[in-house]
Amino acid sequence: MTGPGTLDLIVRGIGLLGPGLPSWTDGAARLRDPLTWASAPTVVPTPARLPATERRRAGTVVKASIVVADEACAAAGLDPAQLATVFTSSTGDPLNCHLLCEALATADRLMSPTRFTNSVHNAAAGYWHIATSSRAASTSLAAFDASFAAGLLEAAVQAASTGAPVLLVACDVPYPEPLHAVRPVADNFAVALVIDVPGVSGTPGGIGLRVQHRADSEAPTPCETEALEALRLGIPAARSLPLLSALARHSSEKSAATRVTLESLPGATLTLATG
């Protein structure tokens, strides 16, 4: 920690899945040169980590979260079972919410036990920790459009206070109608970061990340192109795009520190500097 509200950390691994961004390897190249990015519907791969029975029960938010979590852990070279986690989502499992509402609107008001199991906000975290046989600490949270920033701040504070790496996973997927008209989410988007403290875990590599939280308000950093900015504004988890763009450039070019501000809670500002 370098001062009040400031933490110096390292990003050891990244996972990404979104429109025209099928993985961090491919997405990083697009974010380094945003004019090469073209929107395409997100295809959520089947997570190999989940057994067949769990794959059938899991919703899209669970599957997308596990896909990016696996990518980030593999890139970090760390055992997923040993990582504390922070899962954040503005919406949780919207389809499951829709189907529960439909069931409760019927005369018998009966609901599937699987639907009920998946209704909790920490469902994605539960599937992940069971699949990885992890007994590490886990936090699940939501903060509307500031959910990614809130999750990042939580993961950063945990890593700094425990001296151990933390896996952050953010994911949002669309609601069906009629809820979509009230809370529109453009497409599926998921991102994962393995956050660590410099020189503690002994794992080499990583990108420096300075996190500063202040009790004031500053406009969030927009994306460089109108198309990516529309994506950023269209999905809460995609509020991470300015940070991901900075991380993509630094991982390739070792560029100078880049400062970005993320959409945070009212009356608060979360700024990040890579490098």
C-alpha atoms as a PDB file:
ATOM      1  CA  MET A   1       0.000   0.000   0.000  1.00  0.00           C
ATOM      2  CA  THR A   2       1.444   3.351  -1.028  1.00  0.00           C
ATOM      3  CA  GLY A   3      -1.032   5.702   0.632  1.00  0.00           C
ATOM      4  CA  PRO A   4      -4.573   6.013   1.983  1.00  0.00           C
ATOM      5  CA  GLY A   5      -6.967   4.169  -0.326  1.00  0.00           C
ATOM      6  CA  THR A   6      -4.178   2.957  -2.646  1.00  0.00           C
ATOM      7  CA  LEU A   7      -3.051  -0.646  -3.229  1.00  0.00           C
ATOM      8  CA  ASP A   8      -0.219  -1.906  -5.431  1.00  0.00           C
ATOM      9  CA  LEU A   9      -1.063  -5.321  -6.868  1.00  0.00           C
ATOM     10  CA  ILE A  10      -0.356  -7.620  -9.818  1.00  0.00           C
ATOM     11  CA  VAL A  11      -2.683  -9.170 -12.386  1.00  0.00           C
ATOM     12  CA  ARG A  12      -1.336 -12.687 -12.932  1.00  0.00           C
ATOM     13  CA  GLY A  13      -4.001 -14.119 -15.236  1.00  0.00           C
ATOM     14  CA  ILE A  14      -6.963 -12.934 -17.315  1.00  0.00           C
ATOM     15  CA  GLY A  15      -9.990 -14.669 -18.821  1.00  0.00           C
ATOM     16  CA  LEU A  16     -12.435 -13.039 -21.217  1.00  0.00           C
ATOM     17  CA  LEU A  17     -15.622 -13.965 -23.066  1.00  0.00           C
ATOM     18  CA  GLY A  18     -17.933 -11.511 -24.820  1.00  0.00           C
ATOM     19  CA  PRO A  19     -19.273 -10.290 -28.157  1.00  0.00           C
ATOM     20  CA  GLY A  20     -16.421 -10.611 -30.659  1.00  0.00           C
ATOM     21  CA  LEU A  21     -14.103 -11.491 -27.762  1.00  0.00           C
ATOM     22  CA  PRO A  22     -14.019 -15.309 -27.536  1.00  0.00           C
ATOM     23  CA  SER A  23     -11.007 -15.479 -25.194  1.00  0.00           C
ATOM     24  CA  TRP A  24      -8.346 -13.261 -23.654  1.00  0.00           C
ATOM     25  CA  THR A  25      -5.765 -14.398 -26.246  1.00  0.00           C
ATOM     26  CA  ASP A  26      -7.960 -13.289 -29.112  1.00  0.00           C
ATOM     27  CA  GLY A  27      -9.649 -10.428 -27.272  1.00  0.00           C
ATOM     28  CA  ALA A  28      -6.384  -8.824 -26.177  1.00  0.00           C
ATOM     29  CA  ALA A  29      -5.310  -8.456 -29.805  1.00  0.00           C
ATOM     30  CA  ARG A  30      -8.644  -6.817 -30.654  1.00  0.00           C
ATOM     31  CA  LEU A  31      -8.443  -4.446 -27.688  1.00  0.00           C
ATOM     32  CA  ARG A  32      -4.889  -3.408 -28.585  1.00  0.00           C
ATOM     33  CA  ASP A  33      -6.189  -2.401 -32.015  1.00  0.00           C
ATOM     34  CA  PRO A  34      -9.888  -1.626 -31.393  1.00  0.00           C
ATOM     35  CA  LEU A  35     -10.611  -0.914 -35.053  1.00  0.00           C
ATOM     36  CA  THR A  36     -10.162  -4.650 -35.703  1.00  0.00           C
ATOM     37  CA  TRP A  37     -12.937  -5.556 -33.262  1.00  0.00           C
ATOM     38  CA  ALA A  38     -16.289  -6.529 -34.734  1.00  0.00           C
ATOM     39  CA  SER A  39     -19.316  -7.431 -32.673  1.00  0.00           C
ATOM     40  CA  ALA A  40     -20.553 -11.003 -32.920  1.00  0.00           C
ATOM     41  CA  PRO A  41     -22.966 -12.863 -30.627  1.00  0.00           C
ATOM     42  CA  THR A  42     -21.193 -14.419 -27.657  1.00  0.00           C
ATOM     43  CA  VAL A  43     -20.877 -18.191 -27.899  1.00  0.00           C
ATOM     44  CA  VAL A  44     -20.473 -19.712 -24.437  1.00  0.00           C
ATOM     45  CA  PRO A  45     -18.394 -22.907 -24.660  1.00  0.00           C
ATOM     46  CA  THR A  46     -19.300 -25.923 -22.567  1.00  0.00           C
ATOM     47  CA  PRO A  47     -16.997 -25.810 -19.519  1.00  0.00           C
ATOM     48  CA  ALA A  48     -15.059 -29.057 -19.482  1.00  0.00           C
ATOM     49  CA  ARG A  49     -14.544 -28.728 -15.734  1.00  0.00           C
ATOM     50  CA  LEU A  50     -18.240 -29.363 -14.995  1.00  0.00           C
ATOM     51  CA  PRO A  51     -19.481 -32.973 -14.942  1.00  0.00           C
ATOM     52  CA  ALA A  52     -22.239 -33.767 -17.447  1.00  0.00           C
ATOM     53  CA  THR A  53     -24.997 -33.642 -14.817  1.00  0.00           C
ATOM     54  CA  GLU A  54     -23.901 -30.222 -13.590  1.00  0.00           C
ATOM     55  CA  ARG A  55     -23.550 -28.915 -17.156  1.00  0.00           C
ATOM     56  CA  ARG A  56     -27.212 -29.746 -17.743  1.00  0.00           C
ATOM     57  CA  ARG A  57     -28.290 -27.971 -14.555  1.00  0.00           C
ATOM     58  CA  ALA A  58     -26.092 -24.888 -14.842  1.00  0.00           C
ATOM     59  CA  GLY A  59     -27.319 -21.709 -16.482  1.00  0.00           C
ATOM     60  CA  THR A  60     -25.399 -19.491 -18.876  1.00  0.00           C
ATOM     61  CA  VAL A  61     -24.043 -17.249 -16.120  1.00  0.00           C
ATOM     62  CA  VAL A  62     -22.479 -20.277 -14.399  1.00  0.00           C
ATOM     63  CA  LYS A  63     -20.992 -21.681 -17.609  1.00  0.00           C
ATOM     64  CA  ALA A  64     -19.547 -18.353 -18.782  1.00  0.00           C
ATOM     65  CA  SER A  65     -18.116 -17.645 -15.318  1.00  0.00           C
ATOM     66  CA  ILE A  66     -16.363 -21.009 -15.172  1.00  0.00           C
ATOM     67  CA  VAL A  67     -14.953 -20.659 -18.703  1.00  0.00           C
ATOM     68  CA  VAL A  68     -13.234 -17.341 -17.909  1.00  0.00           C
ATOM     69  CA  ALA A  69     -12.176 -18.458 -14.436  1.00  0.00           C
ATOM     70  CA  ASP A  70     -10.425 -21.480 -15.934  1.00  0.00           C
ATOM     71  CA  GLU A  71      -8.684 -19.308 -18.532  1.00  0.00           C
ATOM     72  CA  ALA A  72      -7.442 -16.855 -15.895  1.00  0.00           C
ATOM     73  CA  CYS A  73      -6.185 -19.587 -13.550  1.00  0.00           C
ATOM     74  CA  ALA A  74      -4.382 -21.395 -16.382  1.00  0.00           C
ATOM     75  CA  ALA A  75      -2.695 -18.152 -17.438  1.00  0.00           C
ATOM     76  CA  ALA A  76      -1.659 -17.449 -13.840  1.00  0.00           C
ATOM     77  CA  GLY A  77      -0.272 -20.955 -13.377  1.00  0.00           C
ATOM     78  CA  LEU A  78      -2.011 -21.272 -10.026  1.00  0.00           C
ATOM     79  CA  ASP A  79      -4.078 -24.101  -8.539  1.00  0.00           C
ATOM     80  CA  PRO A  80      -7.770 -23.049  -8.624  1.00  0.00           C
ATOM     81  CA  ALA A  81      -8.465 -25.053  -5.479  1.00  0.00           C
ATOM     82  CA  GLN A  82      -6.147 -22.772  -3.499  1.00  0.00           C
ATOM     83  CA  LEU A  83      -7.642 -19.449  -4.620  1.00  0.00           C
ATOM     84  CA  ALA A  84     -10.102 -17.373  -2.659  1.00  0.00           C
ATOM     85  CA  THR A  85     -12.754 -16.001  -4.996  1.00  0.00           C
ATOM     86  CA  VAL A  86     -14.913 -12.951  -5.552  1.00  0.00           C
ATOM     87  CA  PHE A  87     -17.857 -13.453  -7.916  1.00  0.00           C
ATOM     88  CA  THR A  88     -19.774 -10.380  -8.987  1.00  0.00           C
ATOM     89  CA  SER A  89     -22.812  -9.949 -11.212  1.00  0.00           C
ATOM     90  CA  SER A  90     -25.382  -7.244 -11.685  1.00  0.00           C
ATOM     91  CA  THR A  91     -28.076  -9.719 -12.701  1.00  0.00           C
ATOM     92  CA  GLY A  92     -27.178 -13.204 -11.457  1.00  0.00           C
ATOM     93  CA  ASP A  93     -29.078 -15.807 -13.503  1.00  0.00           C
ATOM     94  CA  PRO A  94     -31.781 -13.805 -15.366  1.00  0.00           C
ATOM     95  CA  LEU A  95     -33.381 -16.768 -17.183  1.00  0.00           C
ATOM     96  CA  ASN A  96     -33.750 -18.637 -13.919  1.00  0.00           C
ATOM     97  CA  CYS A  97     -35.301 -15.533 -12.335  1.00  0.00           C
ATOM     98  CA  HIS A  98     -37.760 -15.298 -15.248  1.00  0.00           C
ATOM     99  CA  LEU A  99     -38.776 -18.959 -14.966  1.00  0.00           C
ATOM    100  CA  LEU A 100     -39.225 -18.712 -11.195  1.00  0.00           C
ATOM    101  CA  CYS A 101     -41.499 -15.705 -11.684  1.00  0.00           C
ATOM    102  CA  GLU A 102     -43.513 -17.663 -14.249  1.00  0.00           C
ATOM    103  CA  ALA A 103     -43.855 -20.605 -11.853  1.00  0.00           C
ATOM    104  CA  LEU A 104     -44.960 -18.372  -8.991  1.00  0.00           C
ATOM    105  CA  ALA A 105     -47.587 -16.787 -11.249  1.00  0.00           C
ATOM    106  CA  THR A 106     -49.324 -20.155 -11.852  1.00  0.00           C
ATOM    107  CA  ALA A 107     -52.106 -21.565  -9.713  1.00  0.00           C
ATOM    108  CA  ASP A 108     -50.010 -24.371  -8.142  1.00  0.00           C
ATOM    109  CA  ARG A 109     -46.899 -22.176  -7.613  1.00  0.00           C
ATOM    110  CA  LEU A 110     -44.603 -25.208  -7.864  1.00  0.00           C
ATOM    111  CA  MET A 111     -40.965 -24.754  -8.822  1.00  0.00           C
ATOM    112  CA  SER A 112     -38.174 -27.072  -9.824  1.00  0.00           C
ATOM    113  CA  PRO A 113     -35.620 -27.824  -7.083  1.00  0.00           C
ATOM    114  CA  THR A 114     -32.884 -27.098  -9.640  1.00  0.00           C
ATOM    115  CA  ARG A 115     -34.413 -23.700 -10.363  1.00  0.00           C
ATOM    116  CA  PHE A 116     -34.501 -22.972  -6.654  1.00  0.00           C
ATOM    117  CA  THR A 117     -30.858 -24.049  -6.227  1.00  0.00           C
ATOM    118  CA  ASN A 118     -29.767 -21.756  -9.060  1.00  0.00           C
ATOM    119  CA  SER A 119     -31.754 -18.797  -7.734  1.00  0.00           C
ATOM    120  CA  VAL A 120     -29.163 -17.776  -5.146  1.00  0.00           C
ATOM    121  CA  HIS A 121     -26.698 -15.076  -6.153  1.00  0.00           C
ATOM    122  CA  ASN A 122     -23.685 -17.248  -5.244  1.00  0.00           C
ATOM    123  CA  ALA A 123     -24.714 -20.112  -7.545  1.00  0.00           C
ATOM    124  CA  ALA A 124     -21.769 -19.539  -9.903  1.00  0.00           C
ATOM    125  CA  ALA A 125     -19.344 -19.496  -6.975  1.00  0.00           C
ATOM    126  CA  GLY A 126     -20.888 -22.698  -5.638  1.00  0.00           C
ATOM    127  CA  TYR A 127     -20.515 -24.559  -8.915  1.00  0.00           C
ATOM    128  CA  TRP A 128     -16.903 -23.347  -9.239  1.00  0.00           C
ATOM    129  CA  HIS A 129     -15.812 -24.306  -5.717  1.00  0.00           C
ATOM    130  CA  ILE A 130     -17.458 -27.726  -5.966  1.00  0.00           C
ATOM    131  CA  ALA A 131     -15.909 -28.372  -9.391  1.00  0.00           C
ATOM    132  CA  THR A 132     -12.419 -27.367  -8.199  1.00  0.00           C
ATOM    133  CA  SER A 133     -12.780 -29.056  -4.775  1.00  0.00           C
ATOM    134  CA  SER A 134     -11.952 -25.696  -3.245  1.00  0.00           C
ATOM    135  CA  ARG A 135     -12.601 -24.809   0.387  1.00  0.00           C
ATOM    136  CA  ALA A 136     -11.090 -21.344   0.035  1.00  0.00           C
ATOM    137  CA  ALA A 137     -13.064 -18.265   1.043  1.00  0.00           C
ATOM    138  CA  SER A 138     -15.635 -16.959  -1.424  1.00  0.00           C
ATOM    139  CA  THR A 139     -17.606 -13.716  -1.710  1.00  0.00           C
ATOM    140  CA  SER A 140     -20.499 -13.010  -4.087  1.00  0.00           C
ATOM    141  CA  LEU A 141     -21.809  -9.494  -4.567  1.00  0.00           C
ATOM    142  CA  ALA A 142     -23.816  -7.168  -6.790  1.00  0.00           C
ATOM    143  CA  ALA A 143     -23.713  -3.387  -7.235  1.00  0.00           C
ATOM    144  CA  PHE A 144     -25.865  -2.695 -10.311  1.00  0.00           C
ATOM    145  CA  ASP A 145     -23.717  -1.122 -13.075  1.00  0.00           C
ATOM    146  CA  ALA A 146     -20.767  -0.776 -10.666  1.00  0.00           C
ATOM    147  CA  SER A 147     -20.636  -4.533  -9.990  1.00  0.00           C
ATOM    148  CA  PHE A 148     -17.264  -5.057 -11.703  1.00  0.00           C
ATOM    149  CA  ALA A 149     -15.632  -2.164  -9.850  1.00  0.00           C
ATOM    150  CA  ALA A 150     -17.092  -3.323  -6.539  1.00  0.00           C
ATOM    151  CA  GLY A 151     -15.814  -6.847  -7.148  1.00  0.00           C
ATOM    152  CA  LEU A 152     -12.367  -5.609  -8.147  1.00  0.00           C
ATOM    153  CA  LEU A 153     -12.109  -3.463  -5.028  1.00  0.00           C
ATOM    154  CA  GLU A 154     -13.174  -6.411  -2.860  1.00  0.00           C
ATOM    155  CA  ALA A 155     -10.637  -8.739  -4.509  1.00  0.00           C
ATOM    156  CA  ALA A 156      -7.870  -6.126  -4.212  1.00  0.00           C
ATOM    157  CA  VAL A 157      -8.513  -5.564  -0.512  1.00  0.00           C
ATOM    158  CA  GLN A 158      -8.633  -9.308   0.160  1.00  0.00           C
ATOM    159  CA  ALA A 159      -5.353  -9.929  -1.693  1.00  0.00           C
ATOM    160  CA  ALA A 160      -3.641  -7.048   0.129  1.00  0.00           C
ATOM    161  CA  SER A 161      -4.922  -8.084   3.556  1.00  0.00           C
ATOM    162  CA  THR A 162      -4.231 -11.823   3.232  1.00  0.00           C
ATOM    163  CA  GLY A 163      -1.082 -11.662   1.094  1.00  0.00           C
ATOM    164  CA  ALA A 164      -2.544 -14.374  -1.150  1.00  0.00           C
ATOM    165  CA  PRO A 165      -3.890 -14.310  -4.723  1.00  0.00           C
ATOM    166  CA  VAL A 166      -7.626 -13.882  -5.277  1.00  0.00           C
ATOM    167  CA  LEU A 167      -9.697 -14.872  -8.313  1.00  0.00           C
ATOM    168  CA  LEU A 168     -12.198 -12.227  -9.433  1.00  0.00           C
ATOM    169  CA  VAL A 169     -15.004 -13.286 -11.794  1.00  0.00           C
ATOM    170  CA  ALA A 170     -17.605 -10.876 -13.228  1.00  0.00           C
ATOM    171  CA  CYS A 171     -20.421 -12.005 -15.483  1.00  0.00           C
ATOM    172  CA  ASP A 172     -23.696 -10.636 -16.814  1.00  0.00           C
ATOM    173  CA  VAL A 173     -26.175 -12.210 -19.223  1.00  0.00           C
ATOM    174  CA  PRO A 174     -29.468 -10.916 -20.670  1.00  0.00           C
ATOM    175  CA  TYR A 175     -32.934 -11.236 -19.205  1.00  0.00           C
ATOM    176  CA  PRO A 176     -35.742 -12.638 -21.368  1.00  0.00           C
ATOM    177  CA  GLU A 177     -38.730 -10.410 -22.041  1.00  0.00           C
ATOM    178  CA  PRO A 178     -40.552  -8.763 -20.362  1.00  0.00           C
ATOM    179  CA  LEU A 179     -37.743  -8.147 -17.857  1.00  0.00           C
ATOM    180  CA  HIS A 180     -35.304  -7.313 -20.654  1.00  0.00           C
ATOM    181  CA  ALA A 181     -37.329  -4.200 -21.475  1.00  0.00           C
ATOM    182  CA  VAL A 182     -36.845  -2.980 -17.896  1.00  0.00           C
ATOM    183  CA  ARG A 183     -33.203  -4.056 -17.480  1.00  0.00           C
ATOM    184  CA  PRO A 184     -31.671  -4.458 -20.953  1.00  0.00           C
ATOM    185  CA  VAL A 185     -28.352  -6.329 -21.158  1.00  0.00           C
ATOM    186  CA  ALA A 186     -26.993  -6.562 -24.698  1.00  0.00           C
ATOM    187  CA  ASP A 187     -25.313  -9.990 -24.621  1.00  0.00           C
ATOM    188  CA  ASN A 188     -23.323 -12.417 -22.478  1.00  0.00           C
ATOM    189  CA  PHE A 189     -20.076 -11.014 -21.088  1.00  0.00           C
ATOM    190  CA  ALA A 190     -17.663 -12.511 -18.551  1.00  0.00           C
ATOM    191  CA  VAL A 191     -14.206 -11.551 -17.334  1.00  0.00           C
ATOM    192  CA  ALA A 192     -11.851 -13.035 -14.748  1.00  0.00           C
ATOM    193  CA  LEU A 193      -8.678 -11.656 -13.153  1.00  0.00           C
ATOM    194  CA  VAL A 194      -6.241 -13.342 -10.794  1.00  0.00           C
ATOM    195  CA  ILE A 195      -5.142 -10.549  -8.445  1.00  0.00           C
ATOM    196  CA  ASP A 196      -1.980 -10.997  -6.372  1.00  0.00           C
ATOM    197  CA  VAL A 197       0.402  -9.056  -4.151  1.00  0.00           C
ATOM    198  CA  PRO A 198       3.880  -8.416  -5.627  1.00  0.00           C
ATOM    199  CA  GLY A 199       6.570 -10.770  -4.409  1.00  0.00           C
ATOM    200  CA  VAL A 200       4.327 -12.853  -2.163  1.00  0.00           C
ATOM    201  CA  SER A 201       3.143 -15.933  -4.060  1.00  0.00           C
ATOM    202  CA  GLY A 202       6.528 -16.541  -5.718  1.00  0.00           C
ATOM    203  CA  THR A 203       4.908 -16.812  -9.132  1.00  0.00           C
ATOM    204  CA  PRO A 204       6.833 -14.763 -11.717  1.00  0.00           C
ATOM    205  CA  GLY A 205       5.301 -12.424 -14.261  1.00  0.00           C
ATOM    206  CA  GLY A 206       2.124 -10.420 -14.120  1.00  0.00           C
ATOM    207  CA  ILE A 207       1.133  -6.840 -14.842  1.00  0.00           C
ATOM    208  CA  GLY A 208       1.350  -4.203 -12.152  1.00  0.00           C
ATOM    209  CA  LEU A 209      -1.970  -2.700 -11.100  1.00  0.00           C
ATOM    210  CA  ARG A 210      -2.328   0.280  -8.756  1.00  0.00           C
ATOM    211  CA  VAL A 211      -5.838   0.526  -7.317  1.00  0.00           C
ATOM    212  CA  GLN A 212      -7.031   3.774  -5.768  1.00  0.00           C
ATOM    213  CA  HIS A 213     -10.435   4.266  -4.152  1.00  0.00           C
ATOM    214  CA  ARG A 214     -11.580   7.791  -3.326  1.00  0.00           C
ATOM    215  CA  ALA A 215     -14.686   9.311  -1.795  1.00  0.00           C
ATOM    216  CA  ASP A 216     -15.471  11.595  -4.734  1.00  0.00           C
ATOM    217  CA  SER A 217     -16.951  11.319  -8.207  1.00  0.00           C
ATOM    218  CA  GLU A 218     -15.074  11.143 -11.499  1.00  0.00           C
ATOM    219  CA  ALA A 219     -16.485  10.236 -14.885  1.00  0.00           C
ATOM    220  CA  PRO A 220     -15.565   6.702 -16.005  1.00  0.00           C
ATOM    221  CA  THR A 221     -13.038   6.289 -18.798  1.00  0.00           C
ATOM    222  CA  PRO A 222     -14.786   5.587 -22.129  1.00  0.00           C
ATOM    223  CA  CYS A 223     -13.619   3.097 -24.747  1.00  0.00           C
ATOM    224  CA  GLU A 224     -11.671   4.421 -27.722  1.00  0.00           C
ATOM    225  CA  THR A 225     -14.241   3.601 -30.401  1.00  0.00           C
ATOM    226  CA  GLU A 226     -17.983   4.181 -30.529  1.00  0.00           C
ATOM    227  CA  ALA A 227     -18.617   0.473 -31.110  1.00  0.00           C
ATOM    228  CA  LEU A 228     -16.687  -0.667 -28.034  1.00  0.00           C
ATOM    229  CA  GLU A 229     -18.175   2.177 -26.001  1.00  0.00           C
ATOM    230  CA  ALA A 230     -21.642   0.910 -26.901  1.00  0.00           C
ATOM    231  CA  LEU A 231     -20.579  -2.531 -25.698  1.00  0.00           C
ATOM    232  CA  ARG A 232     -19.212  -1.060 -22.455  1.00  0.00           C
ATOM    233  CA  LEU A 233     -22.480   0.722 -21.767  1.00  0.00           C
ATOM    234  CA  GLY A 234     -24.632  -2.213 -22.873  1.00  0.00           C
ATOM    235  CA  ILE A 235     -23.470  -4.804 -20.334  1.00  0.00           C
ATOM    236  CA  PRO A 236     -22.536  -4.114 -16.689  1.00  0.00           C
ATOM    237  CA  ALA A 237     -19.587  -6.553 -16.690  1.00  0.00           C
ATOM    238  CA  ALA A 238     -18.270  -4.837 -19.838  1.00  0.00           C
ATOM    239  CA  ARG A 239     -17.560  -1.742 -17.729  1.00  0.00           C
ATOM    240  CA  SER A 240     -14.231  -3.579 -17.363  1.00  0.00           C
ATOM    241  CA  LEU A 241     -13.276  -2.860 -21.004  1.00  0.00           C
ATOM    242  CA  PRO A 242     -11.128   0.264 -20.409  1.00  0.00           C
ATOM    243  CA  LEU A 243      -9.054  -1.677 -17.880  1.00  0.00           C
ATOM    244  CA  LEU A 244      -8.836  -4.709 -20.172  1.00  0.00           C
ATOM    245  CA  SER A 245      -7.658  -2.488 -23.029  1.00  0.00           C
ATOM    246  CA  ALA A 246      -4.908  -1.043 -20.820  1.00  0.00           C
ATOM    247  CA  LEU A 247      -3.849  -4.522 -19.670  1.00  0.00           C
ATOM    248  CA  ALA A 248      -3.812  -5.771 -23.278  1.00  0.00           C
ATOM    249  CA  ARG A 249      -1.517  -2.977 -24.386  1.00  0.00           C
ATOM    250  CA  HIS A 250       0.841  -3.362 -21.464  1.00  0.00           C
ATOM    251  CA  SER A 251       1.101  -7.146 -21.844  1.00  0.00           C
ATOM    252  CA  SER A 252       2.225  -6.684 -25.458  1.00  0.00           C
ATOM    253  CA  GLU A 253       4.100  -3.392 -25.547  1.00  0.00           C
ATOM    254  CA  LYS A 254       5.264  -2.910 -21.953  1.00  0.00           C
ATOM    255  CA  SER A 255       3.910   0.595 -22.367  1.00  0.00           C
ATOM    256  CA  ALA A 256       3.981   3.358 -19.802  1.00  0.00           C
ATOM    257  CA  ALA A 257       1.407   3.331 -17.026  1.00  0.00           C
ATOM    258  CA  THR A 258      -2.124   3.885 -18.241  1.00  0.00           C
ATOM    259  CA  ARG A 259      -4.710   5.385 -15.898  1.00  0.00           C
ATOM    260  CA  VAL A 260      -8.384   4.461 -16.180  1.00  0.00           C
ATOM    261  CA  THR A 261     -11.440   5.186 -14.059  1.00  0.00           C
ATOM    262  CA  LEU A 262     -14.185   2.606 -13.700  1.00  0.00           C
ATOM    263  CA  GLU A 263     -17.869   3.153 -13.075  1.00  0.00           C
ATOM    264  CA  SER A 264     -18.154   2.922  -9.303  1.00  0.00           C
ATOM    265  CA  LEU A 265     -20.751   3.416  -6.600  1.00  0.00           C
ATOM    266  CA  PRO A 266     -22.353   6.853  -6.201  1.00  0.00           C
ATOM    267  CA  GLY A 267     -19.990   9.270  -4.476  1.00  0.00           C
ATOM    268  CA  ALA A 268     -16.963   7.018  -5.035  1.00  0.00           C
ATOM    269  CA  THR A 269     -14.218   6.762  -7.670  1.00  0.00           C
ATOM    270  CA  LEU A 270     -12.101   3.719  -8.495  1.00  0.00           C
ATOM    271  CA  THR A 271      -9.026   4.550 -10.569  1.00  0.00           C
ATOM    272  CA  LEU A 272      -6.498   2.033 -11.839  1.00  0.00           C
ATOM    273  CA  ALA A 273      -3.028   2.392 -13.292  1.00  0.00           C
ATOM    274  CA  THR A 274      -1.327  -0.434 -15.174  1.00  0.00           C
ATOM    275  CA  GLY A 275       2.392  -0.859 -15.460  1.00  0.00           C
END
